[in-house]
Structure formats: C-alpha cells, structure tokens
mmCIF file of all heavy atoms, coordinates in Angstrom:
data_MODEL
# 
_entry.id   MODEL 
# 
loop_
_atom_site.group_PDB 
_atom_site.id 
_atom_site.type_symbol 
_atom_site.label_atom_id 
_atom_site.label_alt_id 
_atom_site.label_comp_id 
_atom_site.label_asym_id 
_atom_site.label_entity_id 
_atom_site.label_seq_id 
_atom_site.pdbx_PDB_ins_code 
_atom_site.Cartn_x 
_atom_site.Cartn_y 
_atom_site.Cartn_z 
_atom_site.occupancy 
_atom_site.B_iso_or_equiv 
_atom_site.pdbx_formal_charge 
_atom_site.auth_seq_id 
_atom_site.auth_comp_id 
_atom_site.auth_asym_id 
_atom_site.auth_atom_id 
_atom_site.pdbx_PDB_model_num 
ATOM 1   N N   . PRO A 1 1  ? 90.504  72.507 99.097  1.00 0.00 ? 1  PRO A N   1 
ATOM 2   C CA  . PRO A 1 1  ? 90.557  73.521 100.158 1.00 0.00 ? 1  PRO A CA  1 
ATOM 3   C C   . PRO A 1 1  ? 90.450  72.895 101.545 1.00 0.00 ? 1  PRO A C   1 
ATOM 4   O O   . PRO A 1 1  ? 89.638  72.007 101.773 1.00 0.00 ? 1  PRO A O   1 
ATOM 5   C CB  . PRO A 1 1  ? 89.351  74.412 99.889  1.00 0.00 ? 1  PRO A CB  1 
ATOM 6   C CG  . PRO A 1 1  ? 88.916  74.112 98.502  1.00 0.00 ? 1  PRO A CG  1 
ATOM 7   C CD  . PRO A 1 1  ? 89.373  72.731 98.194  1.00 0.00 ? 1  PRO A CD  1 
ATOM 8   N N   . ARG A 1 2  ? 91.313  73.349 102.465 1.00 0.00 ? 2  ARG A N   1 
ATOM 9   C CA  . ARG A 1 2  ? 91.248  72.932 103.873 1.00 0.00 ? 2  ARG A CA  1 
ATOM 10  C C   . ARG A 1 2  ? 90.445  73.948 104.659 1.00 0.00 ? 2  ARG A C   1 
ATOM 11  O O   . ARG A 1 2  ? 89.578  73.594 105.415 1.00 0.00 ? 2  ARG A O   1 
ATOM 12  C CB  . ARG A 1 2  ? 92.647  72.827 104.476 1.00 0.00 ? 2  ARG A CB  1 
ATOM 13  C CG  . ARG A 1 2  ? 93.462  71.690 103.923 1.00 0.00 ? 2  ARG A CG  1 
ATOM 14  C CD  . ARG A 1 2  ? 94.800  71.571 104.605 1.00 0.00 ? 2  ARG A CD  1 
ATOM 15  N NE  . ARG A 1 2  ? 95.348  72.895 104.896 1.00 0.00 ? 2  ARG A NE  1 
ATOM 16  C CZ  . ARG A 1 2  ? 96.356  73.122 105.697 1.00 0.00 ? 2  ARG A CZ  1 
ATOM 17  N NH1 . ARG A 1 2  ? 96.945  72.150 106.315 1.00 0.00 ? 2  ARG A NH1 1 
ATOM 18  N NH2 . ARG A 1 2  ? 96.806  74.339 105.900 1.00 0.00 ? 2  ARG A NH2 1 
ATOM 19  N N   . TYR A 1 3  ? 90.785  75.237 104.491 1.00 0.00 ? 3  TYR A N   1 
ATOM 20  C CA  . TYR A 1 3  ? 90.006  76.288 105.118 1.00 0.00 ? 3  TYR A CA  1 
ATOM 21  C C   . TYR A 1 3  ? 90.185  77.586 104.358 1.00 0.00 ? 3  TYR A C   1 
ATOM 22  O O   . TYR A 1 3  ? 91.117  77.757 103.594 1.00 0.00 ? 3  TYR A O   1 
ATOM 23  C CB  . TYR A 1 3  ? 90.347  76.458 106.608 1.00 0.00 ? 3  TYR A CB  1 
ATOM 24  C CG  . TYR A 1 3  ? 91.719  76.999 106.930 1.00 0.00 ? 3  TYR A CG  1 
ATOM 25  C CD1 . TYR A 1 3  ? 91.931  78.366 107.092 1.00 0.00 ? 3  TYR A CD1 1 
ATOM 26  C CD2 . TYR A 1 3  ? 92.804  76.153 107.122 1.00 0.00 ? 3  TYR A CD2 1 
ATOM 27  C CE1 . TYR A 1 3  ? 93.178  78.868 107.412 1.00 0.00 ? 3  TYR A CE1 1 
ATOM 28  C CE2 . TYR A 1 3  ? 94.054  76.642 107.440 1.00 0.00 ? 3  TYR A CE2 1 
ATOM 29  C CZ  . TYR A 1 3  ? 94.231  77.995 107.589 1.00 0.00 ? 3  TYR A CZ  1 
ATOM 30  O OH  . TYR A 1 3  ? 95.475  78.498 107.902 1.00 0.00 ? 3  TYR A OH  1 
ATOM 31  N N   . ARG A 1 4  ? 89.228  78.485 104.599 1.00 0.00 ? 4  ARG A N   1 
ATOM 32  C CA  . ARG A 1 4  ? 89.242  79.800 103.959 1.00 0.00 ? 4  ARG A CA  1 
ATOM 33  C C   . ARG A 1 4  ? 88.948  80.834 105.034 1.00 0.00 ? 4  ARG A C   1 
ATOM 34  O O   . ARG A 1 4  ? 88.111  80.603 105.906 1.00 0.00 ? 4  ARG A O   1 
ATOM 35  C CB  . ARG A 1 4  ? 88.184  79.866 102.863 1.00 0.00 ? 4  ARG A CB  1 
ATOM 36  C CG  . ARG A 1 4  ? 88.070  81.233 102.208 1.00 0.00 ? 4  ARG A CG  1 
ATOM 37  C CD  . ARG A 1 4  ? 87.120  81.214 101.026 1.00 0.00 ? 4  ARG A CD  1 
ATOM 38  N NE  . ARG A 1 4  ? 87.709  80.367 99.993  1.00 0.00 ? 4  ARG A NE  1 
ATOM 39  C CZ  . ARG A 1 4  ? 87.029  79.499 99.256  1.00 0.00 ? 4  ARG A CZ  1 
ATOM 40  N NH1 . ARG A 1 4  ? 85.733  79.366 99.417  1.00 0.00 ? 4  ARG A NH1 1 
ATOM 41  N NH2 . ARG A 1 4  ? 87.635  78.764 98.360  1.00 0.00 ? 4  ARG A NH2 1 
ATOM 42  N N   . ILE A 1 5  ? 89.637  81.954 104.967 1.00 0.00 ? 5  ILE A N   1 
ATOM 43  C CA  . ILE A 1 5  ? 89.395  83.060 105.881 1.00 0.00 ? 5  ILE A CA  1 
ATOM 44  C C   . ILE A 1 5  ? 89.149  84.314 105.052 1.00 0.00 ? 5  ILE A C   1 
ATOM 45  O O   . ILE A 1 5  ? 89.913  84.629 104.151 1.00 0.00 ? 5  ILE A O   1 
ATOM 46  C CB  . ILE A 1 5  ? 90.593  83.305 106.825 1.00 0.00 ? 5  ILE A CB  1 
ATOM 47  C CG1 . ILE A 1 5  ? 90.873  82.072 107.688 1.00 0.00 ? 5  ILE A CG1 1 
ATOM 48  C CG2 . ILE A 1 5  ? 90.336  84.523 107.704 1.00 0.00 ? 5  ILE A CG2 1 
ATOM 49  C CD1 . ILE A 1 5  ? 92.083  82.221 108.585 1.00 0.00 ? 5  ILE A CD1 1 
ATOM 50  N N   . LYS A 1 6  ? 88.069  84.997 105.408 1.00 0.00 ? 6  LYS A N   1 
ATOM 51  C CA  . LYS A 1 6  ? 87.761  86.283 104.784 1.00 0.00 ? 6  LYS A CA  1 
ATOM 52  C C   . LYS A 1 6  ? 87.750  87.317 105.900 1.00 0.00 ? 6  LYS A C   1 
ATOM 53  O O   . LYS A 1 6  ? 87.134  87.092 106.944 1.00 0.00 ? 6  LYS A O   1 
ATOM 54  C CB  . LYS A 1 6  ? 86.398  86.216 104.099 1.00 0.00 ? 6  LYS A CB  1 
ATOM 55  C CG  . LYS A 1 6  ? 86.010  87.480 103.387 1.00 0.00 ? 6  LYS A CG  1 
ATOM 56  C CD  . LYS A 1 6  ? 84.660  87.301 102.703 1.00 0.00 ? 6  LYS A CD  1 
ATOM 57  C CE  . LYS A 1 6  ? 84.248  88.578 102.012 1.00 0.00 ? 6  LYS A CE  1 
ATOM 58  N NZ  . LYS A 1 6  ? 82.923  88.454 101.396 1.00 0.00 ? 6  LYS A NZ  1 
ATOM 59  N N   . ALA A 1 7  ? 88.461  88.416 105.698 1.00 0.00 ? 7  ALA A N   1 
ATOM 60  C CA  . ALA A 1 7  ? 88.539  89.447 106.733 1.00 0.00 ? 7  ALA A CA  1 
ATOM 61  C C   . ALA A 1 7  ? 88.729  90.812 106.083 1.00 0.00 ? 7  ALA A C   1 
ATOM 62  O O   . ALA A 1 7  ? 89.356  90.923 105.024 1.00 0.00 ? 7  ALA A O   1 
ATOM 63  C CB  . ALA A 1 7  ? 89.699  89.167 107.682 1.00 0.00 ? 7  ALA A CB  1 
ATOM 64  N N   . PRO A 1 8  ? 88.218  91.858 106.724 1.00 0.00 ? 8  PRO A N   1 
ATOM 65  C CA  . PRO A 1 8  ? 88.413  93.201 106.175 1.00 0.00 ? 8  PRO A CA  1 
ATOM 66  C C   . PRO A 1 8  ? 89.847  93.698 106.309 1.00 0.00 ? 8  PRO A C   1 
ATOM 67  O O   . PRO A 1 8  ? 90.263  94.579 105.568 1.00 0.00 ? 8  PRO A O   1 
ATOM 68  C CB  . PRO A 1 8  ? 87.453  94.080 106.982 1.00 0.00 ? 8  PRO A CB  1 
ATOM 69  C CG  . PRO A 1 8  ? 87.049  93.284 108.156 1.00 0.00 ? 8  PRO A CG  1 
ATOM 70  C CD  . PRO A 1 8  ? 87.302  91.852 107.860 1.00 0.00 ? 8  PRO A CD  1 
ATOM 71  N N   . ARG A 1 9  ? 90.631  93.124 107.247 1.00 0.00 ? 9  ARG A N   1 
ATOM 72  C CA  . ARG A 1 9  ? 92.014  93.590 107.437 1.00 0.00 ? 9  ARG A CA  1 
ATOM 73  C C   . ARG A 1 9  ? 92.881  92.466 107.974 1.00 0.00 ? 9  ARG A C   1 
ATOM 74  O O   . ARG A 1 9  ? 92.467  91.689 108.826 1.00 0.00 ? 9  ARG A O   1 
ATOM 75  C CB  . ARG A 1 9  ? 92.030  94.764 108.397 1.00 0.00 ? 9  ARG A CB  1 
ATOM 76  C CG  . ARG A 1 9  ? 93.391  95.374 108.608 1.00 0.00 ? 9  ARG A CG  1 
ATOM 77  C CD  . ARG A 1 9  ? 93.278  96.865 108.884 1.00 0.00 ? 9  ARG A CD  1 
ATOM 78  N NE  . ARG A 1 9  ? 94.529  97.451 109.241 1.00 0.00 ? 9  ARG A NE  1 
ATOM 79  C CZ  . ARG A 1 9  ? 95.454  97.857 108.391 1.00 0.00 ? 9  ARG A CZ  1 
ATOM 80  N NH1 . ARG A 1 9  ? 95.257  97.722 107.115 1.00 0.00 ? 9  ARG A NH1 1 
ATOM 81  N NH2 . ARG A 1 9  ? 96.571  98.413 108.809 1.00 0.00 ? 9  ARG A NH2 1 
ATOM 82  N N   . MET A 1 10 ? 94.136  92.407 107.472 1.00 0.00 ? 10 MET A N   1 
ATOM 83  C CA  . MET A 1 10 ? 95.132  91.445 107.933 1.00 0.00 ? 10 MET A CA  1 
ATOM 84  C C   . MET A 1 10 ? 96.464  92.164 108.106 1.00 0.00 ? 10 MET A C   1 
ATOM 85  O O   . MET A 1 10 ? 96.835  92.993 107.278 1.00 0.00 ? 10 MET A O   1 
ATOM 86  C CB  . MET A 1 10 ? 95.310  90.318 106.933 1.00 0.00 ? 10 MET A CB  1 
ATOM 87  C CG  . MET A 1 10 ? 96.343  89.288 107.374 1.00 0.00 ? 10 MET A CG  1 
ATOM 88  S SD  . MET A 1 10 ? 96.687  88.059 106.110 1.00 0.00 ? 10 MET A SD  1 
ATOM 89  C CE  . MET A 1 10 ? 98.161  88.770 105.383 1.00 0.00 ? 10 MET A CE  1 
ATOM 90  N N   . MET A 1 11 ? 97.163  91.842 109.199 1.00 0.00 ? 11 MET A N   1 
ATOM 91  C CA  . MET A 1 11 ? 98.490  92.399 109.449 1.00 0.00 ? 11 MET A CA  1 
ATOM 92  C C   . MET A 1 11 ? 99.467  91.251 109.692 1.00 0.00 ? 11 MET A C   1 
ATOM 93  O O   . MET A 1 11 ? 99.141  90.320 110.435 1.00 0.00 ? 11 MET A O   1 
ATOM 94  C CB  . MET A 1 11 ? 98.463  93.315 110.673 1.00 0.00 ? 11 MET A CB  1 
ATOM 95  C CG  . MET A 1 11 ? 97.591  94.538 110.466 1.00 0.00 ? 11 MET A CG  1 
ATOM 96  S SD  . MET A 1 11 ? 97.201  95.358 112.007 1.00 0.00 ? 11 MET A SD  1 
ATOM 97  C CE  . MET A 1 11 ? 96.093  94.188 112.739 1.00 0.00 ? 11 MET A CE  1 
ATOM 98  N N   . HIS A 1 12 ? 100.637 91.338 109.098 1.00 0.00 ? 12 HIS A N   1 
ATOM 99  C CA  . HIS A 1 12 ? 101.673 90.315 109.258 1.00 0.00 ? 12 HIS A CA  1 
ATOM 100 C C   . HIS A 1 12 ? 102.752 90.817 110.203 1.00 0.00 ? 12 HIS A C   1 
ATOM 101 O O   . HIS A 1 12 ? 103.193 91.960 110.100 1.00 0.00 ? 12 HIS A O   1 
ATOM 102 C CB  . HIS A 1 12 ? 102.302 89.966 107.910 1.00 0.00 ? 12 HIS A CB  1 
ATOM 103 C CG  . HIS A 1 12 ? 103.372 88.945 108.031 1.00 0.00 ? 12 HIS A CG  1 
ATOM 104 N ND1 . HIS A 1 12 ? 104.700 89.284 108.128 1.00 0.00 ? 12 HIS A ND1 1 
ATOM 105 C CD2 . HIS A 1 12 ? 103.298 87.597 108.103 1.00 0.00 ? 12 HIS A CD2 1 
ATOM 106 C CE1 . HIS A 1 12 ? 105.411 88.173 108.245 1.00 0.00 ? 12 HIS A CE1 1 
ATOM 107 N NE2 . HIS A 1 12 ? 104.589 87.145 108.236 1.00 0.00 ? 12 HIS A NE2 1 
ATOM 108 N N   . PHE A 1 13 ? 103.166 89.946 111.133 1.00 0.00 ? 13 PHE A N   1 
ATOM 109 C CA  . PHE A 1 13 ? 104.203 90.295 112.105 1.00 0.00 ? 13 PHE A CA  1 
ATOM 110 C C   . PHE A 1 13 ? 105.432 89.432 111.855 1.00 0.00 ? 13 PHE A C   1 
ATOM 111 O O   . PHE A 1 13 ? 105.365 88.200 111.963 1.00 0.00 ? 13 PHE A O   1 
ATOM 112 C CB  . PHE A 1 13 ? 103.677 90.105 113.536 1.00 0.00 ? 13 PHE A CB  1 
ATOM 113 C CG  . PHE A 1 13 ? 102.602 91.096 113.874 1.00 0.00 ? 13 PHE A CG  1 
ATOM 114 C CD1 . PHE A 1 13 ? 101.280 90.853 113.528 1.00 0.00 ? 13 PHE A CD1 1 
ATOM 115 C CD2 . PHE A 1 13 ? 102.918 92.284 114.508 1.00 0.00 ? 13 PHE A CD2 1 
ATOM 116 C CE1 . PHE A 1 13 ? 100.294 91.779 113.819 1.00 0.00 ? 13 PHE A CE1 1 
ATOM 117 C CE2 . PHE A 1 13 ? 101.940 93.217 114.800 1.00 0.00 ? 13 PHE A CE2 1 
ATOM 118 C CZ  . PHE A 1 13 ? 100.620 92.959 114.463 1.00 0.00 ? 13 PHE A CZ  1 
ATOM 119 N N   . PRO A 1 14 ? 106.567 90.051 111.522 1.00 0.00 ? 14 PRO A N   1 
ATOM 120 C CA  . PRO A 1 14 ? 107.757 89.282 111.158 1.00 0.00 ? 14 PRO A CA  1 
ATOM 121 C C   . PRO A 1 14 ? 108.414 88.567 112.334 1.00 0.00 ? 14 PRO A C   1 
ATOM 122 O O   . PRO A 1 14 ? 109.113 87.576 112.123 1.00 0.00 ? 14 PRO A O   1 
ATOM 123 C CB  . PRO A 1 14 ? 108.697 90.346 110.572 1.00 0.00 ? 14 PRO A CB  1 
ATOM 124 C CG  . PRO A 1 14 ? 108.274 91.616 111.232 1.00 0.00 ? 14 PRO A CG  1 
ATOM 125 C CD  . PRO A 1 14 ? 106.791 91.490 111.424 1.00 0.00 ? 14 PRO A CD  1 
ATOM 126 N N   . ALA A 1 15 ? 108.215 89.029 113.560 1.00 0.00 ? 15 ALA A N   1 
ATOM 127 C CA  . ALA A 1 15 ? 108.900 88.435 114.709 1.00 0.00 ? 15 ALA A CA  1 
ATOM 128 C C   . ALA A 1 15 ? 108.606 86.940 114.820 1.00 0.00 ? 15 ALA A C   1 
ATOM 129 O O   . ALA A 1 15 ? 109.511 86.139 115.055 1.00 0.00 ? 15 ALA A O   1 
ATOM 130 C CB  . ALA A 1 15 ? 108.509 89.154 115.999 1.00 0.00 ? 15 ALA A CB  1 
ATOM 131 N N   . ASP A 1 16 ? 107.342 86.550 114.634 1.00 0.00 ? 16 ASP A N   1 
ATOM 132 C CA  . ASP A 1 16 ? 106.995 85.125 114.697 1.00 0.00 ? 16 ASP A CA  1 
ATOM 133 C C   . ASP A 1 16 ? 106.340 84.638 113.404 1.00 0.00 ? 16 ASP A C   1 
ATOM 134 O O   . ASP A 1 16 ? 105.815 83.534 113.358 1.00 0.00 ? 16 ASP A O   1 
ATOM 135 C CB  . ASP A 1 16 ? 106.100 84.835 115.897 1.00 0.00 ? 16 ASP A CB  1 
ATOM 136 C CG  . ASP A 1 16 ? 104.794 85.610 115.847 1.00 0.00 ? 16 ASP A CG  1 
ATOM 137 O OD1 . ASP A 1 16 ? 104.582 86.400 114.907 1.00 0.00 ? 16 ASP A OD1 1 
ATOM 138 O OD2 . ASP A 1 16 ? 103.975 85.421 116.768 1.00 0.00 ? 16 ASP A OD2 1 
ATOM 139 N N   . ASP A 1 17 ? 106.358 85.467 112.384 1.00 0.00 ? 17 ASP A N   1 
ATOM 140 C CA  . ASP A 1 17 ? 105.803 85.137 111.070 1.00 0.00 ? 17 ASP A CA  1 
ATOM 141 C C   . ASP A 1 17 ? 104.319 84.781 111.158 1.00 0.00 ? 17 ASP A C   1 
ATOM 142 O O   . ASP A 1 17 ? 103.821 83.950 110.416 1.00 0.00 ? 17 ASP A O   1 
ATOM 143 C CB  . ASP A 1 17 ? 106.596 84.001 110.420 1.00 0.00 ? 17 ASP A CB  1 
ATOM 144 C CG  . ASP A 1 17 ? 106.354 83.916 108.917 1.00 0.00 ? 17 ASP A CG  1 
ATOM 145 O OD1 . ASP A 1 17 ? 105.918 84.924 108.327 1.00 0.00 ? 17 ASP A OD1 1 
ATOM 146 O OD2 . ASP A 1 17 ? 106.576 82.835 108.344 1.00 0.00 ? 17 ASP A OD2 1 
ATOM 147 N N   . SER A 1 18 ? 103.603 85.427 112.089 1.00 0.00 ? 18 SER A N   1 
ATOM 148 C CA  . SER A 1 18 ? 102.170 85.178 112.226 1.00 0.00 ? 18 SER A CA  1 
ATOM 149 C C   . SER A 1 18 ? 101.394 86.327 111.605 1.00 0.00 ? 18 SER A C   1 
ATOM 150 O O   . SER A 1 18 ? 101.951 87.377 111.300 1.00 0.00 ? 18 SER A O   1 
ATOM 151 C CB  . SER A 1 18 ? 101.794 85.031 113.702 1.00 0.00 ? 18 SER A CB  1 
ATOM 152 O OG  . SER A 1 18 ? 101.948 86.274 114.366 1.00 0.00 ? 18 SER A OG  1 
ATOM 153 N N   . SER A 1 19 ? 100.093 86.099 111.440 1.00 0.00 ? 19 SER A N   1 
ATOM 154 C CA  . SER A 1 19 ? 99.210  87.132 110.904 1.00 0.00 ? 19 SER A CA  1 
ATOM 155 C C   . SER A 1 19 ? 98.008  87.285 111.814 1.00 0.00 ? 19 SER A C   1 
ATOM 156 O O   . SER A 1 19 ? 97.473  86.295 112.319 1.00 0.00 ? 19 SER A O   1 
ATOM 157 C CB  . SER A 1 19 ? 98.731  86.755 109.502 1.00 0.00 ? 19 SER A CB  1 
ATOM 158 O OG  . SER A 1 19 ? 99.823  86.679 108.617 1.00 0.00 ? 19 SER A OG  1 
ATOM 159 N N   . TRP A 1 20 ? 97.590  88.532 112.013 1.00 0.00 ? 20 TRP A N   1 
ATOM 160 C CA  . TRP A 1 20 ? 96.377  88.840 112.772 1.00 0.00 ? 20 TRP A CA  1 
ATOM 161 C C   . TRP A 1 20 ? 95.333  89.317 111.787 1.00 0.00 ? 20 TRP A C   1 
ATOM 162 O O   . TRP A 1 20 ? 95.633  90.122 110.904 1.00 0.00 ? 20 TRP A O   1 
ATOM 163 C CB  . TRP A 1 20 ? 96.643  89.916 113.811 1.00 0.00 ? 20 TRP A CB  1 
ATOM 164 C CG  . TRP A 1 20 ? 97.252  89.382 115.064 1.00 0.00 ? 20 TRP A CG  1 
ATOM 165 C CD1 . TRP A 1 20 ? 98.568  89.343 115.378 1.00 0.00 ? 20 TRP A CD1 1 
ATOM 166 C CD2 . TRP A 1 20 ? 96.561  88.804 116.173 1.00 0.00 ? 20 TRP A CD2 1 
ATOM 167 N NE1 . TRP A 1 20 ? 98.748  88.773 116.624 1.00 0.00 ? 20 TRP A NE1 1 
ATOM 168 C CE2 . TRP A 1 20 ? 97.521  88.439 117.135 1.00 0.00 ? 20 TRP A CE2 1 
ATOM 169 C CE3 . TRP A 1 20 ? 95.221  88.569 116.459 1.00 0.00 ? 20 TRP A CE3 1 
ATOM 170 C CZ2 . TRP A 1 20 ? 97.194  87.848 118.343 1.00 0.00 ? 20 TRP A CZ2 1 
ATOM 171 C CZ3 . TRP A 1 20 ? 94.891  87.987 117.668 1.00 0.00 ? 20 TRP A CZ3 1 
ATOM 172 C CH2 . TRP A 1 20 ? 95.874  87.630 118.588 1.00 0.00 ? 20 TRP A CH2 1 
ATOM 173 N N   . LEU A 1 21 ? 94.121  88.821 111.947 1.00 0.00 ? 21 LEU A N   1 
ATOM 174 C CA  . LEU A 1 21 ? 93.012  89.226 111.090 1.00 0.00 ? 21 LEU A CA  1 
ATOM 175 C C   . LEU A 1 21 ? 91.923  89.849 111.945 1.00 0.00 ? 21 LEU A C   1 
ATOM 176 O O   . LEU A 1 21 ? 91.635  89.366 113.039 1.00 0.00 ? 21 LEU A O   1 
ATOM 177 C CB  . LEU A 1 21 ? 92.454  88.014 110.346 1.00 0.00 ? 21 LEU A CB  1 
ATOM 178 C CG  . LEU A 1 21 ? 93.470  87.402 109.373 1.00 0.00 ? 21 LEU A CG  1 
ATOM 179 C CD1 . LEU A 1 21 ? 93.971  86.101 109.921 1.00 0.00 ? 21 LEU A CD1 1 
ATOM 180 C CD2 . LEU A 1 21 ? 92.873  87.242 108.020 1.00 0.00 ? 21 LEU A CD2 1 
ATOM 181 N N   . ILE A 1 22 ? 91.323  90.909 111.435 1.00 0.00 ? 22 ILE A N   1 
ATOM 182 C CA  . ILE A 1 22 ? 90.253  91.614 112.125 1.00 0.00 ? 22 ILE A CA  1 
ATOM 183 C C   . ILE A 1 22 ? 88.915  91.112 111.581 1.00 0.00 ? 22 ILE A C   1 
ATOM 184 O O   . ILE A 1 22 ? 88.737  91.010 110.366 1.00 0.00 ? 22 ILE A O   1 
ATOM 185 C CB  . ILE A 1 22 ? 90.375  93.141 111.911 1.00 0.00 ? 22 ILE A CB  1 
ATOM 186 C CG1 . ILE A 1 22 ? 91.771  93.639 112.305 1.00 0.00 ? 22 ILE A CG1 1 
ATOM 187 C CG2 . ILE A 1 22 ? 89.278  93.887 112.649 1.00 0.00 ? 22 ILE A CG2 1 
ATOM 188 C CD1 . ILE A 1 22 ? 92.157  93.388 113.740 1.00 0.00 ? 22 ILE A CD1 1 
ATOM 189 N N   . SER A 1 23 ? 87.978  90.799 112.474 1.00 0.00 ? 23 SER A N   1 
ATOM 190 C CA  . SER A 1 23 ? 86.625  90.328 112.134 1.00 0.00 ? 23 SER A CA  1 
ATOM 191 C C   . SER A 1 23 ? 86.636  89.193 111.105 1.00 0.00 ? 23 SER A C   1 
ATOM 192 O O   . SER A 1 23 ? 85.979  89.284 110.061 1.00 0.00 ? 23 SER A O   1 
ATOM 193 C CB  . SER A 1 23 ? 85.760  91.485 111.611 1.00 0.00 ? 23 SER A CB  1 
ATOM 194 O OG  . SER A 1 23 ? 85.643  92.481 112.584 1.00 0.00 ? 23 SER A OG  1 
ATOM 195 N N   . PRO A 1 24 ? 87.364  88.119 111.392 1.00 0.00 ? 24 PRO A N   1 
ATOM 196 C CA  . PRO A 1 24 ? 87.452  87.050 110.399 1.00 0.00 ? 24 PRO A CA  1 
ATOM 197 C C   . PRO A 1 24 ? 86.181  86.208 110.319 1.00 0.00 ? 24 PRO A C   1 
ATOM 198 O O   . PRO A 1 24 ? 85.459  86.026 111.295 1.00 0.00 ? 24 PRO A O   1 
ATOM 199 C CB  . PRO A 1 24 ? 88.602  86.199 110.936 1.00 0.00 ? 24 PRO A CB  1 
ATOM 200 C CG  . PRO A 1 24 ? 88.505  86.374 112.413 1.00 0.00 ? 24 PRO A CG  1 
ATOM 201 C CD  . PRO A 1 24 ? 88.109  87.812 112.608 1.00 0.00 ? 24 PRO A CD  1 
ATOM 202 N N   . HIS A 1 25 ? 85.922  85.727 109.142 1.00 0.00 ? 25 HIS A N   1 
ATOM 203 C CA  . HIS A 1 25 ? 84.886  84.733 108.870 1.00 0.00 ? 25 HIS A CA  1 
ATOM 204 C C   . HIS A 1 25 ? 85.654  83.538 108.317 1.00 0.00 ? 25 HIS A C   1 
ATOM 205 O O   . HIS A 1 25 ? 86.323  83.645 107.288 1.00 0.00 ? 25 HIS A O   1 
ATOM 206 C CB  . HIS A 1 25 ? 83.892  85.283 107.855 1.00 0.00 ? 25 HIS A CB  1 
ATOM 207 C CG  . HIS A 1 25 ? 82.706  84.411 107.642 1.00 0.00 ? 25 HIS A CG  1 
ATOM 208 N ND1 . HIS A 1 25 ? 81.634  84.811 106.906 1.00 0.00 ? 25 HIS A ND1 1 
ATOM 209 C CD2 . HIS A 1 25 ? 82.398  83.164 108.064 1.00 0.00 ? 25 HIS A CD2 1 
ATOM 210 C CE1 . HIS A 1 25 ? 80.731  83.852 106.875 1.00 0.00 ? 25 HIS A CE1 1 
ATOM 211 N NE2 . HIS A 1 25 ? 81.184  82.838 107.572 1.00 0.00 ? 25 HIS A NE2 1 
# 
C-alpha cells in the first residue's frame, strides 16, 4: 500500500477524470 483514503462521500468528475472526497481521512 502507498496510501489509503477513507471518506463518507466521493464524486467523480469526467472532465478531468478527478475525484473529490468529503471529509477524507
């Protein structure tokens, strides 16, 4: 493992293929 993210919500945006996470740990 390099890194792990835990979040209550994730949204993916196709325009730049990025993801936004809310309250990430």
